[in-house]
ModelCIF file with pLDDT and N, C-alpha, C, O atoms, coordinates in Angstrom:
data_MODEL
#
_entry.id   MODEL 
#
_entity.id                         1 
_entity.type                       polymer 
_entity.pdbx_number_of_molecules   1 
#
_entity_poly.entity_id                      1 
_entity_poly.type                           'polypeptide(L)' 
_entity_poly.nstd_linkage                   no 
_entity_poly.nstd_monomer                   no 
_entity_poly.pdbx_seq_one_letter_code       FDYIFETENRYPGAPSVTIHEVEASKDFYVEGNKIT 
_entity_poly.pdbx_seq_one_letter_code_can   FDYIFETENRYPGAPSVTIHEVEASKDFYVEGNKIT 
_entity_poly.pdbx_strand_id                 A 
#
loop_
_entity_poly_seq.entity_id 
_entity_poly_seq.num 
_entity_poly_seq.mon_id 
_entity_poly_seq.hetero 
1 1  PHE n 
1 2  ASP n 
1 3  TYR n 
1 4  ILE n 
1 5  PHE n 
1 6  GLU n 
1 7  THR n 
1 8  GLU n 
1 9  ASN n 
1 10 ARG n 
1 11 TYR n 
1 12 PRO n 
1 13 GLY n 
1 14 ALA n 
1 15 PRO n 
1 16 SER n 
1 17 VAL n 
1 18 THR n 
1 19 ILE n 
1 20 HIS n 
1 21 GLU n 
1 22 VAL n 
1 23 GLU n 
1 24 ALA n 
1 25 SER n 
1 26 LYS n 
1 27 ASP n 
1 28 PHE n 
1 29 TYR n 
1 30 VAL n 
1 31 GLU n 
1 32 GLY n 
1 33 ASN n 
1 34 LYS n 
1 35 ILE n 
1 36 THR n 
#
_struct_asym.id          A 
_struct_asym.entity_id   1 
#
loop_
_ma_qa_metric.id 
_ma_qa_metric.mode 
_ma_qa_metric.name 
_ma_qa_metric.software_group_id 
_ma_qa_metric.type 
1 global pLDDT . pLDDT 
2 local  pLDDT . pLDDT 
#
_ma_qa_metric_global.metric_id      1 
_ma_qa_metric_global.metric_value   94.81 
_ma_qa_metric_global.model_id       1 
_ma_qa_metric_global.ordinal_id     1 
#
loop_
_ma_qa_metric_local.label_asym_id 
_ma_qa_metric_local.label_comp_id 
_ma_qa_metric_local.label_seq_id 
_ma_qa_metric_local.metric_id 
_ma_qa_metric_local.metric_value 
_ma_qa_metric_local.model_id 
_ma_qa_metric_local.ordinal_id 
A PHE 1  2 97.00 1 1  
A ASP 2  2 96.00 1 2  
A TYR 3  2 96.00 1 3  
A ILE 4  2 97.00 1 4  
A PHE 5  2 96.00 1 5  
A GLU 6  2 93.00 1 6  
A THR 7  2 87.00 1 7  
A GLU 8  2 85.00 1 8  
A ASN 9  2 84.00 1 9  
A ARG 10 2 86.00 1 10 
A TYR 11 2 88.00 1 11 
A PRO 12 2 86.00 1 12 
A GLY 13 2 90.00 1 13 
A ALA 14 2 94.00 1 14 
A PRO 15 2 95.00 1 15 
A SER 16 2 95.00 1 16 
A VAL 17 2 97.00 1 17 
A THR 18 2 98.00 1 18 
A ILE 19 2 98.00 1 19 
A HIS 20 2 98.00 1 20 
A GLU 21 2 98.00 1 21 
A VAL 22 2 98.00 1 22 
A GLU 23 2 97.00 1 23 
A ALA 24 2 96.00 1 24 
A SER 25 2 95.00 1 25 
A LYS 26 2 98.00 1 26 
A ASP 27 2 98.00 1 27 
A PHE 28 2 98.00 1 28 
A TYR 29 2 98.00 1 29 
A VAL 30 2 98.00 1 30 
A GLU 31 2 96.00 1 31 
A GLY 32 2 96.00 1 32 
A ASN 33 2 97.00 1 33 
A LYS 34 2 98.00 1 34 
A ILE 35 2 98.00 1 35 
A THR 36 2 98.00 1 36 
#
loop_
_atom_site.group_PDB 
_atom_site.id 
_atom_site.type_symbol 
_atom_site.label_atom_id 
_atom_site.label_alt_id 
_atom_site.label_comp_id 
_atom_site.label_asym_id 
_atom_site.label_entity_id 
_atom_site.label_seq_id 
_atom_site.pdbx_PDB_ins_code 
_atom_site.Cartn_x 
_atom_site.Cartn_y 
_atom_site.Cartn_z 
_atom_site.occupancy 
_atom_site.B_iso_or_equiv 
_atom_site.pdbx_formal_charge 
_atom_site.auth_seq_id 
_atom_site.auth_comp_id 
_atom_site.auth_asym_id 
_atom_site.auth_atom_id 
_atom_site.pdbx_PDB_model_num 
ATOM 1   N N  . PHE A 1 1  ? 92.647  -46.296 18.517 1.00 97.00 ? 1  PHE A N  1 
ATOM 2   C CA . PHE A 1 1  ? 92.531  -45.159 17.609 1.00 97.00 ? 1  PHE A CA 1 
ATOM 3   C C  . PHE A 1 1  ? 93.883  -44.472 17.478 1.00 97.00 ? 1  PHE A C  1 
ATOM 4   O O  . PHE A 1 1  ? 94.004  -43.266 17.691 1.00 97.00 ? 1  PHE A O  1 
ATOM 5   N N  . ASP A 1 2  ? 94.895  -45.254 17.125 1.00 96.00 ? 2  ASP A N  1 
ATOM 6   C CA . ASP A 1 2  ? 96.255  -44.710 17.095 1.00 96.00 ? 2  ASP A CA 1 
ATOM 7   C C  . ASP A 1 2  ? 96.378  -43.506 16.176 1.00 96.00 ? 2  ASP A C  1 
ATOM 8   O O  . ASP A 1 2  ? 97.155  -42.596 16.468 1.00 96.00 ? 2  ASP A O  1 
ATOM 9   N N  . TYR A 1 3  ? 95.631  -43.472 15.070 1.00 96.00 ? 3  TYR A N  1 
ATOM 10  C CA . TYR A 1 3  ? 95.732  -42.374 14.116 1.00 96.00 ? 3  TYR A CA 1 
ATOM 11  C C  . TYR A 1 3  ? 95.216  -41.062 14.693 1.00 96.00 ? 3  TYR A C  1 
ATOM 12  O O  . TYR A 1 3  ? 95.613  -39.991 14.232 1.00 96.00 ? 3  TYR A O  1 
ATOM 13  N N  . ILE A 1 4  ? 94.323  -41.125 15.712 1.00 97.00 ? 4  ILE A N  1 
ATOM 14  C CA . ILE A 1 4  ? 93.838  -39.910 16.350 1.00 97.00 ? 4  ILE A CA 1 
ATOM 15  C C  . ILE A 1 4  ? 94.910  -39.307 17.243 1.00 97.00 ? 4  ILE A C  1 
ATOM 16  O O  . ILE A 1 4  ? 95.026  -38.086 17.353 1.00 97.00 ? 4  ILE A O  1 
ATOM 17  N N  . PHE A 1 5  ? 95.692  -40.170 17.880 1.00 96.00 ? 5  PHE A N  1 
ATOM 18  C CA . PHE A 1 5  ? 96.685  -39.720 18.850 1.00 96.00 ? 5  PHE A CA 1 
ATOM 19  C C  . PHE A 1 5  ? 98.074  -39.544 18.234 1.00 96.00 ? 5  PHE A C  1 
ATOM 20  O O  . PHE A 1 5  ? 99.002  -39.119 18.922 1.00 96.00 ? 5  PHE A O  1 
ATOM 21  N N  . GLU A 1 6  ? 98.224  -39.861 16.964 1.00 93.00 ? 6  GLU A N  1 
ATOM 22  C CA . GLU A 1 6  ? 99.500  -39.711 16.275 1.00 93.00 ? 6  GLU A CA 1 
ATOM 23  C C  . GLU A 1 6  ? 99.930  -38.251 16.266 1.00 93.00 ? 6  GLU A C  1 
ATOM 24  O O  . GLU A 1 6  ? 99.126  -37.369 15.966 1.00 93.00 ? 6  GLU A O  1 
ATOM 25  N N  . THR A 1 7  ? 101.184 -37.991 16.592 1.00 87.00 ? 7  THR A N  1 
ATOM 26  C CA . THR A 1 7  ? 101.683 -36.613 16.630 1.00 87.00 ? 7  THR A CA 1 
ATOM 27  C C  . THR A 1 7  ? 102.502 -36.256 15.392 1.00 87.00 ? 7  THR A C  1 
ATOM 28  O O  . THR A 1 7  ? 102.695 -35.078 15.092 1.00 87.00 ? 7  THR A O  1 
ATOM 29  N N  . GLU A 1 8  ? 102.981 -37.265 14.676 1.00 85.00 ? 8  GLU A N  1 
ATOM 30  C CA . GLU A 1 8  ? 103.748 -37.019 13.453 1.00 85.00 ? 8  GLU A CA 1 
ATOM 31  C C  . GLU A 1 8  ? 103.060 -37.707 12.285 1.00 85.00 ? 8  GLU A C  1 
ATOM 32  O O  . GLU A 1 8  ? 102.451 -38.766 12.438 1.00 85.00 ? 8  GLU A O  1 
ATOM 33  N N  . ASN A 1 9  ? 103.167 -37.086 11.118 1.00 84.00 ? 9  ASN A N  1 
ATOM 34  C CA . ASN A 1 9  ? 102.567 -37.638 9.892  1.00 84.00 ? 9  ASN A CA 1 
ATOM 35  C C  . ASN A 1 9  ? 101.083 -37.962 10.084 1.00 84.00 ? 9  ASN A C  1 
ATOM 36  O O  . ASN A 1 9  ? 100.602 -39.015 9.666  1.00 84.00 ? 9  ASN A O  1 
ATOM 37  N N  . ARG A 1 10 ? 100.369 -37.030 10.725 1.00 86.00 ? 10 ARG A N  1 
ATOM 38  C CA . ARG A 1 10 ? 98.952  -37.240 10.991 1.00 86.00 ? 10 ARG A CA 1 
ATOM 39  C C  . ARG A 1 10 ? 98.152  -37.272 9.703  1.00 86.00 ? 10 ARG A C  1 
ATOM 40  O O  . ARG A 1 10 ? 98.417  -36.513 8.770  1.00 86.00 ? 10 ARG A O  1 
ATOM 41  N N  . TYR A 1 11 ? 97.176  -38.154 9.664  1.00 88.00 ? 11 TYR A N  1 
ATOM 42  C CA . TYR A 1 11 ? 96.231  -38.151 8.553  1.00 88.00 ? 11 TYR A CA 1 
ATOM 43  C C  . TYR A 1 11 ? 95.402  -36.877 8.652  1.00 88.00 ? 11 TYR A C  1 
ATOM 44  O O  . TYR A 1 11 ? 94.847  -36.607 9.717  1.00 88.00 ? 11 TYR A O  1 
ATOM 45  N N  . PRO A 1 12 ? 95.294  -36.079 7.586  1.00 86.00 ? 12 PRO A N  1 
ATOM 46  C CA . PRO A 1 12 ? 94.637  -34.772 7.693  1.00 86.00 ? 12 PRO A CA 1 
ATOM 47  C C  . PRO A 1 12 ? 93.155  -34.832 8.040  1.00 86.00 ? 12 PRO A C  1 
ATOM 48  O O  . PRO A 1 12 ? 92.603  -33.838 8.512  1.00 86.00 ? 12 PRO A O  1 
ATOM 49  N N  . GLY A 1 13 ? 92.493  -35.970 7.819  1.00 90.00 ? 13 GLY A N  1 
ATOM 50  C CA . GLY A 1 13 ? 91.072  -36.084 8.142  1.00 90.00 ? 13 GLY A CA 1 
ATOM 51  C C  . GLY A 1 13 ? 90.797  -36.590 9.532  1.00 90.00 ? 13 GLY A C  1 
ATOM 52  O O  . GLY A 1 13 ? 89.635  -36.716 9.917  1.00 90.00 ? 13 GLY A O  1 
ATOM 53  N N  . ALA A 1 14 ? 91.831  -36.889 10.305 1.00 94.00 ? 14 ALA A N  1 
ATOM 54  C CA . ALA A 1 14 ? 91.635  -37.443 11.644 1.00 94.00 ? 14 ALA A CA 1 
ATOM 55  C C  . ALA A 1 14 ? 91.181  -36.360 12.617 1.00 94.00 ? 14 ALA A C  1 
ATOM 56  O O  . ALA A 1 14 ? 91.612  -35.212 12.514 1.00 94.00 ? 14 ALA A O  1 
ATOM 57  N N  . PRO A 1 15 ? 90.316  -36.719 13.554 1.00 95.00 ? 15 PRO A N  1 
ATOM 58  C CA . PRO A 1 15 ? 89.975  -35.749 14.611 1.00 95.00 ? 15 PRO A CA 1 
ATOM 59  C C  . PRO A 1 15 ? 91.163  -35.550 15.533 1.00 95.00 ? 15 PRO A C  1 
ATOM 60  O O  . PRO A 1 15 ? 92.052  -36.399 15.600 1.00 95.00 ? 15 PRO A O  1 
ATOM 61  N N  . SER A 1 16 ? 91.180  -34.459 16.225 1.00 95.00 ? 16 SER A N  1 
ATOM 62  C CA . SER A 1 16 ? 92.251  -34.219 17.189 1.00 95.00 ? 16 SER A CA 1 
ATOM 63  C C  . SER A 1 16 ? 91.658  -34.092 18.586 1.00 95.00 ? 16 SER A C  1 
ATOM 64  O O  . SER A 1 16 ? 90.532  -33.625 18.758 1.00 95.00 ? 16 SER A O  1 
ATOM 65  N N  . VAL A 1 17 ? 92.428  -34.512 19.574 1.00 97.00 ? 17 VAL A N  1 
ATOM 66  C CA . VAL A 1 17 ? 91.959  -34.503 20.955 1.00 97.00 ? 17 VAL A CA 1 
ATOM 67  C C  . VAL A 1 17 ? 93.004  -33.862 21.862 1.00 97.00 ? 17 VAL A C  1 
ATOM 68  O O  . VAL A 1 17 ? 94.201  -33.881 21.577 1.00 97.00 ? 17 VAL A O  1 
ATOM 69  N N  . THR A 1 18 ? 92.522  -33.306 22.941 1.00 98.00 ? 18 THR A N  1 
ATOM 70  C CA . THR A 1 18 ? 93.383  -32.833 24.017 1.00 98.00 ? 18 THR A CA 1 
ATOM 71  C C  . THR A 1 18 ? 93.118  -33.717 25.223 1.00 98.00 ? 18 THR A C  1 
ATOM 72  O O  . THR A 1 18 ? 91.991  -33.798 25.712 1.00 98.00 ? 18 THR A O  1 
ATOM 73  N N  . ILE A 1 19 ? 94.166  -34.380 25.700 1.00 98.00 ? 19 ILE A N  1 
ATOM 74  C CA . ILE A 1 19 ? 94.014  -35.409 26.730 1.00 98.00 ? 19 ILE A CA 1 
ATOM 75  C C  . ILE A 1 19 ? 94.064  -34.794 28.123 1.00 98.00 ? 19 ILE A C  1 
ATOM 76  O O  . ILE A 1 19 ? 94.944  -33.993 28.438 1.00 98.00 ? 19 ILE A O  1 
ATOM 77  N N  . HIS A 1 20 ? 93.098  -35.190 28.948 1.00 98.00 ? 20 HIS A N  1 
ATOM 78  C CA . HIS A 1 20 ? 93.090  -34.824 30.364 1.00 98.00 ? 20 HIS A CA 1 
ATOM 79  C C  . HIS A 1 20 ? 92.932  -36.106 31.172 1.00 98.00 ? 20 HIS A C  1 
ATOM 80  O O  . HIS A 1 20 ? 91.864  -36.718 31.159 1.00 98.00 ? 20 HIS A O  1 
ATOM 81  N N  . GLU A 1 21 ? 93.978  -36.515 31.871 1.00 98.00 ? 21 GLU A N  1 
ATOM 82  C CA . GLU A 1 21 ? 93.889  -37.696 32.725 1.00 98.00 ? 21 GLU A CA 1 
ATOM 83  C C  . GLU A 1 21 ? 93.210  -37.321 34.031 1.00 98.00 ? 21 GLU A C  1 
ATOM 84  O O  . GLU A 1 21 ? 93.550  -36.316 34.653 1.00 98.00 ? 21 GLU A O  1 
ATOM 85  N N  . VAL A 1 22 ? 92.255  -38.130 34.436 1.00 98.00 ? 22 VAL A N  1 
ATOM 86  C CA . VAL A 1 22 ? 91.533  -37.850 35.676 1.00 98.00 ? 22 VAL A CA 1 
ATOM 87  C C  . VAL A 1 22 ? 91.640  -39.039 36.620 1.00 98.00 ? 22 VAL A C  1 
ATOM 88  O O  . VAL A 1 22 ? 91.850  -40.177 36.201 1.00 98.00 ? 22 VAL A O  1 
ATOM 89  N N  . GLU A 1 23 ? 91.493  -38.747 37.882 1.00 97.00 ? 23 GLU A N  1 
ATOM 90  C CA . GLU A 1 23 ? 91.534  -39.774 38.917 1.00 97.00 ? 23 GLU A CA 1 
ATOM 91  C C  . GLU A 1 23 ? 90.297  -39.658 39.789 1.00 97.00 ? 23 GLU A C  1 
ATOM 92  O O  . GLU A 1 23 ? 89.757  -38.569 39.981 1.00 97.00 ? 23 GLU A O  1 
ATOM 93  N N  . ALA A 1 24 ? 89.863  -40.774 40.305 1.00 96.00 ? 24 ALA A N  1 
ATOM 94  C CA . ALA A 1 24 ? 88.678  -40.790 41.162 1.00 96.00 ? 24 ALA A CA 1 
ATOM 95  C C  . ALA A 1 24 ? 88.846  -39.820 42.322 1.00 96.00 ? 24 ALA A C  1 
ATOM 96  O O  . ALA A 1 24 ? 89.910  -39.746 42.937 1.00 96.00 ? 24 ALA A O  1 
ATOM 97  N N  . SER A 1 25 ? 87.788  -39.081 42.613 1.00 95.00 ? 25 SER A N  1 
ATOM 98  C CA . SER A 1 25 ? 87.682  -38.162 43.749 1.00 95.00 ? 25 SER A CA 1 
ATOM 99  C C  . SER A 1 25 ? 88.496  -36.880 43.592 1.00 95.00 ? 25 SER A C  1 
ATOM 100 O O  . SER A 1 25 ? 88.493  -36.042 44.494 1.00 95.00 ? 25 SER A O  1 
ATOM 101 N N  . LYS A 1 26 ? 89.194  -36.709 42.467 1.00 98.00 ? 26 LYS A N  1 
ATOM 102 C CA . LYS A 1 26 ? 89.942  -35.473 42.231 1.00 98.00 ? 26 LYS A CA 1 
ATOM 103 C C  . LYS A 1 26 ? 89.149  -34.607 41.259 1.00 98.00 ? 26 LYS A C  1 
ATOM 104 O O  . LYS A 1 26 ? 89.071  -34.897 40.065 1.00 98.00 ? 26 LYS A O  1 
ATOM 105 N N  . ASP A 1 27 ? 88.565  -33.543 41.793 1.00 98.00 ? 27 ASP A N  1 
ATOM 106 C CA . ASP A 1 27 ? 87.719  -32.676 40.982 1.00 98.00 ? 27 ASP A CA 1 
ATOM 107 C C  . ASP A 1 27 ? 88.488  -32.077 39.809 1.00 98.00 ? 27 ASP A C  1 
ATOM 108 O O  . ASP A 1 27 ? 89.691  -31.829 39.897 1.00 98.00 ? 27 ASP A O  1 
ATOM 109 N N  . PHE A 1 28 ? 87.774  -31.850 38.712 1.00 98.00 ? 28 PHE A N  1 
ATOM 110 C CA . PHE A 1 28 ? 88.323  -31.087 37.604 1.00 98.00 ? 28 PHE A CA 1 
ATOM 111 C C  . PHE A 1 28 ? 87.229  -30.170 37.082 1.00 98.00 ? 28 PHE A C  1 
ATOM 112 O O  . PHE A 1 28 ? 86.065  -30.287 37.464 1.00 98.00 ? 28 PHE A O  1 
ATOM 113 N N  . TYR A 1 29 ? 87.621  -29.255 36.204 1.00 98.00 ? 29 TYR A N  1 
ATOM 114 C CA . TYR A 1 29 ? 86.675  -28.244 35.719 1.00 98.00 ? 29 TYR A CA 1 
ATOM 115 C C  . TYR A 1 29 ? 86.621  -28.251 34.203 1.00 98.00 ? 29 TYR A C  1 
ATOM 116 O O  . TYR A 1 29 ? 87.651  -28.335 33.535 1.00 98.00 ? 29 TYR A O  1 
ATOM 117 N N  . VAL A 1 30 ? 85.422  -28.162 33.669 1.00 98.00 ? 30 VAL A N  1 
ATOM 118 C CA . VAL A 1 30 ? 85.210  -27.987 32.229 1.00 98.00 ? 30 VAL A CA 1 
ATOM 119 C C  . VAL A 1 30 ? 84.497  -26.649 32.050 1.00 98.00 ? 30 VAL A C  1 
ATOM 120 O O  . VAL A 1 30 ? 83.327  -26.499 32.401 1.00 98.00 ? 30 VAL A O  1 
ATOM 121 N N  . GLU A 1 31 ? 85.220  -25.691 31.502 1.00 96.00 ? 31 GLU A N  1 
ATOM 122 C CA . GLU A 1 31 ? 84.702  -24.339 31.292 1.00 96.00 ? 31 GLU A CA 1 
ATOM 123 C C  . GLU A 1 31 ? 84.056  -23.777 32.563 1.00 96.00 ? 31 GLU A C  1 
ATOM 124 O O  . GLU A 1 31 ? 82.979  -23.181 32.533 1.00 96.00 ? 31 GLU A O  1 
ATOM 125 N N  . GLY A 1 32 ? 84.760  -23.991 33.676 1.00 96.00 ? 32 GLY A N  1 
ATOM 126 C CA . GLY A 1 32 ? 84.326  -23.446 34.958 1.00 96.00 ? 32 GLY A CA 1 
ATOM 127 C C  . GLY A 1 32 ? 83.342  -24.297 35.733 1.00 96.00 ? 32 GLY A C  1 
ATOM 128 O O  . GLY A 1 32 ? 82.970  -23.944 36.852 1.00 96.00 ? 32 GLY A O  1 
ATOM 129 N N  . ASN A 1 33 ? 82.914  -25.407 35.163 1.00 97.00 ? 33 ASN A N  1 
ATOM 130 C CA . ASN A 1 33 ? 81.954  -26.292 35.819 1.00 97.00 ? 33 ASN A CA 1 
ATOM 131 C C  . ASN A 1 33 ? 82.679  -27.422 36.543 1.00 97.00 ? 33 ASN A C  1 
ATOM 132 O O  . ASN A 1 33 ? 83.426  -28.183 35.927 1.00 97.00 ? 33 ASN A O  1 
ATOM 133 N N  . LYS A 1 34 ? 82.460  -27.526 37.841 1.00 98.00 ? 34 LYS A N  1 
ATOM 134 C CA . LYS A 1 34 ? 83.168  -28.547 38.633 1.00 98.00 ? 34 LYS A CA 1 
ATOM 135 C C  . LYS A 1 34 ? 82.556  -29.923 38.434 1.00 98.00 ? 34 LYS A C  1 
ATOM 136 O O  . LYS A 1 34 ? 81.341  -30.095 38.528 1.00 98.00 ? 34 LYS A O  1 
ATOM 137 N N  . ILE A 1 35 ? 83.408  -30.898 38.159 1.00 98.00 ? 35 ILE A N  1 
ATOM 138 C CA . ILE A 1 35 ? 83.004  -32.290 37.958 1.00 98.00 ? 35 ILE A CA 1 
ATOM 139 C C  . ILE A 1 35 ? 83.812  -33.169 38.908 1.00 98.00 ? 35 ILE A C  1 
ATOM 140 O O  . ILE A 1 35 ? 85.031  -33.034 39.017 1.00 98.00 ? 35 ILE A O  1 
ATOM 141 N N  . THR A 1 36 ? 83.119  -34.061 39.587 1.00 98.00 ? 36 THR A N  1 
ATOM 142 C CA . THR A 1 36 ? 83.784  -34.986 40.504 1.00 98.00 ? 36 THR A CA 1 
ATOM 143 C C  . THR A 1 36 ? 83.729  -36.394 39.936 1.00 98.00 ? 36 THR A C  1 
ATOM 144 O O  . THR A 1 36 ? 84.235  -37.330 40.555 1.00 98.00 ? 36 THR A O  1 
#
């Protein structure tokens, strides 16, 4: 889905994402909710 992750000359109809890399056993939070 290269067009979604494109930072220059983006197609105006493409969805946009914010990337969060996660690793096994390292907790993270989504709106205050802990996920393992």
